Each structure stands twice: as C-alpha cells, then as structure tokens.
Amino acid sequence: MFSDPRHKRYARYLGLGAEIAVALSTPIFLGYWFDIRWETSPWFLLGGILLGILLLIGIFSRVIKEISNTDKKNRRE
C-alpha cells in the first residue's frame, strides 16, 4: 500500500495509537454503562479499568518483543 518505508512506519504507529486508545477506553466505558444499567457503581467501572490496564500491559509487552526481535535482526546483518 505504501511505497515509502517512512509511511509504513507512520501507519504502524497510528495503528498502535488507535489500538491503545480502544483497549483502554472500551472496557472503561462498558464498565460505566453496566454500572448505570444495573446500579452497581463503581464495581464494573473498576473492573473495566483493571481490564484496560491488563490489555495495555499486553500491548506494551508485544511491542517490546517486536522491537527486541527487530534489534536482534538488525545486529545480525
């Protein structure tokens, strides 16, 4: 899709930013919605916050693993 390598890198970073935003905001908003619907405040919201944080840790660990694999590959060449 992109011929310039810089554009590929920018698109990857943009996708990562969108993934982080969705992974953090969706569980929080769903938890808030469940709390309002079932009058259980603040339990579902706290669960959504915890789930969002766990998702962020997973995303960051994947990114770190990708970066370290890229560094190892570049050292070999």
Protein backbone atom coordinates (compact mmCIF):
# COMPACT_ATOMS: atom_id res chain seq x y z
CA MET A 1 0.00 0.00 0.00
CA PHE A 2 2.78 2.43 0.94
CA SER A 3 5.92 2.53 -1.18
CA ASP A 4 7.92 4.78 1.15
CA PRO A 5 9.18 2.95 4.27
CA ARG A 6 8.55 6.05 6.38
CA HIS A 7 4.84 5.91 5.52
CA LYS A 8 4.69 2.27 6.59
CA ARG A 9 6.26 3.19 9.92
CA TYR A 10 3.84 6.10 10.41
CA ALA A 11 0.87 3.88 9.63
CA ARG A 12 2.11 1.29 12.12
CA TYR A 13 2.44 3.94 14.84
CA LEU A 14 -1.00 5.33 14.03
CA GLY A 15 -2.46 1.83 14.29
CA LEU A 16 -0.70 1.30 17.61
CA GLY A 17 -2.13 4.55 18.96
CA ALA A 18 -5.63 3.56 17.90
CA GLU A 19 -5.19 0.12 19.45
CA ILE A 20 -4.07 1.64 22.76
CA ALA A 21 -6.98 4.10 22.77
CA VAL A 22 -9.56 1.40 22.08
CA ALA A 23 -8.02 -1.10 24.51
CA LEU A 24 -8.16 1.40 27.36
CA SER A 25 -11.40 3.26 26.66
CA THR A 26 -13.75 0.44 25.62
CA PRO A 27 -13.64 -1.58 28.88
CA ILE A 28 -13.94 1.62 30.92
CA PHE A 29 -16.99 2.85 29.00
CA LEU A 30 -18.60 -0.60 29.12
CA GLY A 31 -17.99 -0.81 32.87
CA TYR A 32 -19.54 2.62 33.33
CA TRP A 33 -22.54 1.62 31.22
CA PHE A 34 -23.07 -1.62 33.19
CA ASP A 35 -22.84 0.31 36.45
CA ILE A 36 -25.54 2.74 35.33
CA ARG A 37 -27.75 -0.02 33.95
CA TRP A 38 -27.56 -2.34 36.96
CA GLU A 39 -26.85 0.28 39.66
CA THR A 40 -23.66 -1.46 40.81
CA SER A 41 -21.43 1.58 40.92
CA PRO A 42 -18.38 1.51 41.00
CA TRP A 43 -17.67 -2.22 40.57
CA PHE A 44 -17.98 -2.66 36.80
CA LEU A 45 -16.13 0.61 36.23
CA LEU A 46 -13.26 -0.60 38.42
CA GLY A 47 -13.30 -3.92 36.57
CA GLY A 48 -13.18 -2.07 33.26
CA ILE A 49 -10.23 0.00 34.44
CA LEU A 50 -8.40 -3.15 35.55
CA LEU A 51 -9.17 -4.90 32.25
CA GLY A 52 -7.98 -1.86 30.28
CA ILE A 53 -4.71 -1.80 32.22
CA LEU A 54 -4.20 -5.52 31.62
CA LEU A 55 -4.83 -5.02 27.91
CA LEU A 56 -2.30 -2.17 27.84
CA ILE A 57 0.31 -4.36 29.54
CA GLY A 58 -0.30 -7.00 26.87
CA ILE A 59 0.05 -4.46 24.07
CA PHE A 60 3.24 -3.00 25.55
CA SER A 61 4.79 -6.45 26.03
CA ARG A 62 4.02 -7.31 22.40
CA VAL A 63 5.55 -4.04 21.18
CA ILE A 64 8.67 -4.57 23.31
CA LYS A 65 9.01 -8.11 21.95
CA GLU A 66 8.70 -6.83 18.36
CA ILE A 67 11.30 -4.13 18.98
CA SER A 68 13.76 -6.56 20.54
CA ASN A 69 13.31 -9.00 17.65
CA THR A 70 13.93 -6.17 15.17
CA ASP A 71 17.07 -5.14 17.06
CA LYS A 72 18.40 -8.71 17.05
CA LYS A 73 17.68 -9.00 13.35
CA ASN A 74 19.50 -5.71 12.61
CA ARG A 75 22.54 -6.81 14.65
CA ARG A 76 22.91 -9.98 12.60
CA GLU A 77 23.00 -8.06 9.33
